[in-house]
Amino acid sequence: MKHTIEVVGIKIYAFHGCLPEEEKIGGNYLVDVMLNTDFSGAATHDALEKTVDYVLVNKIVREEMAIRSKLIEHVGQRIVTRLRSEINAITHLRVRVTKICPPINGDVDHVAIVIEG
């Protein structure tokens, strides 16, 4: 049986980007985390310690997003690395970092990167 946990739409204001203004002004981001794990013990016994704690997922994302990067690719990889190192029960992971209204000389709603594996 395949078990998936999703923490979707983590809203964060952060200061990522290559432009000097982005370091000063910042912008809005959304982060989505999808992970596969075996939570059959939690489903059977109603016990938090038998699944992945969503609070920890949110904490890791927020802490990594607080560290400035020029590229969302870089911050996304840091999130993946940290989730994998702190949560042993992950069998598959997908992280999406979305930058809302990026300053790319055009009318663009958002740009995003996805790291999966």
Protein backbone atom coordinates (compact mmCIF):
# COMPACT_ATOMS: atom_id res chain seq x y z
CA MET A 1 0.00 0.00 0.00
CA LYS A 2 1.26 3.49 -0.85
CA HIS A 3 0.90 6.26 1.76
CA THR A 4 1.33 9.93 0.89
CA ILE A 5 1.45 12.99 3.13
CA GLU A 6 1.12 16.44 1.58
CA VAL A 7 1.84 19.77 3.24
CA VAL A 8 0.62 22.20 0.61
CA GLY A 9 0.73 25.97 0.29
CA ILE A 10 3.21 26.88 3.00
CA LYS A 11 3.10 30.67 2.64
CA ILE A 12 6.39 32.44 3.28
CA TYR A 13 7.79 35.93 2.76
CA ALA A 14 11.49 35.58 1.91
CA PHE A 15 14.41 37.38 0.30
CA HIS A 16 15.63 35.07 -2.48
CA GLY A 17 16.75 36.33 -5.87
CA CYS A 18 19.69 37.53 -7.94
CA LEU A 19 18.66 41.20 -7.97
CA PRO A 20 19.82 43.53 -5.18
CA GLU A 21 16.22 44.75 -4.75
CA GLU A 22 15.05 41.22 -3.97
CA GLU A 23 17.48 41.04 -1.08
CA LYS A 24 16.02 44.25 0.37
CA ILE A 25 12.34 44.05 -0.60
CA GLY A 26 11.68 40.31 -0.60
CA GLY A 27 8.69 38.54 -2.03
CA ASN A 28 5.98 35.94 -1.54
CA TYR A 29 6.62 32.22 -1.91
CA LEU A 30 4.64 29.02 -1.65
CA VAL A 31 6.22 25.69 -0.79
CA ASP A 32 4.54 22.31 -1.28
CA VAL A 33 5.91 19.09 0.17
CA MET A 34 4.68 15.65 -0.84
CA LEU A 35 6.25 12.62 0.75
CA ASN A 36 5.66 8.91 0.71
CA THR A 37 6.06 6.99 3.92
CA ASP A 38 4.47 4.05 5.67
CA PHE A 39 1.91 5.46 8.09
CA SER A 40 -0.06 2.23 8.56
CA GLY A 41 0.91 2.20 12.26
CA ALA A 42 -0.54 5.69 12.72
CA ALA A 43 -3.68 4.75 10.81
CA THR A 44 -4.18 1.69 12.99
CA HIS A 45 -3.12 3.04 16.40
CA ASP A 46 -3.91 6.79 16.10
CA ALA A 47 -0.35 7.57 17.22
CA LEU A 48 1.67 10.58 16.02
CA GLU A 49 5.00 8.86 16.61
CA LYS A 50 4.07 6.33 13.91
CA THR A 51 3.89 8.91 11.12
CA VAL A 52 5.63 12.05 9.87
CA ASP A 53 4.83 15.11 11.98
CA TYR A 54 3.54 17.90 9.73
CA VAL A 55 4.77 20.45 12.26
CA LEU A 56 8.36 19.28 11.67
CA VAL A 57 7.92 19.48 7.88
CA ASN A 58 6.62 23.05 8.17
CA LYS A 59 9.45 24.01 10.59
CA ILE A 60 12.16 22.69 8.26
CA VAL A 61 10.69 24.51 5.25
CA ARG A 62 10.40 27.80 7.17
CA GLU A 63 13.94 27.60 8.55
CA GLU A 64 15.48 26.87 5.15
CA MET A 65 13.41 29.55 3.40
CA ALA A 66 14.71 32.06 5.98
CA ILE A 67 18.28 31.54 4.69
CA ARG A 68 18.80 33.78 1.68
CA SER A 69 19.67 32.19 -1.66
CA LYS A 70 20.05 33.74 -5.08
CA LEU A 71 18.19 30.84 -6.67
CA ILE A 72 15.06 28.98 -5.62
CA GLU A 73 16.77 25.88 -7.00
CA HIS A 74 19.32 26.23 -4.20
CA VAL A 75 16.80 26.74 -1.40
CA GLY A 76 14.70 23.87 -2.78
CA GLN A 77 17.69 21.53 -2.63
CA ARG A 78 18.42 22.59 0.94
CA ILE A 79 14.83 21.79 1.91
CA VAL A 80 15.06 18.34 0.30
CA THR A 81 18.40 17.58 1.93
CA ARG A 82 17.19 18.61 5.36
CA LEU A 83 13.88 16.71 5.13
CA ARG A 84 15.75 13.57 4.09
CA SER A 85 18.31 13.93 6.88
CA GLU A 86 15.80 14.59 9.66
CA ILE A 87 12.92 12.30 8.64
CA ASN A 88 14.12 8.74 8.09
CA ALA A 89 10.72 7.33 7.14
CA ILE A 90 10.55 9.09 3.74
CA THR A 91 10.60 6.68 0.79
CA HIS A 92 9.89 9.30 -1.91
CA LEU A 93 9.89 13.10 -1.74
CA ARG A 94 8.64 15.96 -3.92
CA VAL A 95 9.28 19.61 -3.06
CA ARG A 96 7.93 22.52 -5.09
CA VAL A 97 9.10 26.09 -4.41
CA THR A 98 6.99 28.77 -6.11
CA LYS A 99 8.03 32.41 -6.41
CA ILE A 100 4.97 34.63 -6.79
CA CYS A 101 5.18 37.56 -9.27
CA PRO A 102 8.89 37.24 -10.09
CA PRO A 103 10.67 40.33 -11.43
CA ILE A 104 11.46 38.95 -14.88
CA ASN A 105 10.40 41.84 -17.13
CA GLY A 106 6.99 40.41 -17.96
CA ASP A 107 3.53 39.75 -16.64
CA VAL A 108 4.16 36.37 -15.00
CA ASP A 109 2.04 34.93 -12.21
CA HIS A 110 4.80 32.72 -10.78
CA VAL A 111 7.83 30.58 -11.45
CA ALA A 112 8.49 27.29 -9.70
CA ILE A 113 11.03 24.54 -9.31
CA VAL A 114 10.28 20.94 -8.44
CA ILE A 115 12.74 18.47 -6.95
CA GLU A 116 11.58 14.88 -6.78
CA GLY A 117 13.20 11.64 -5.85
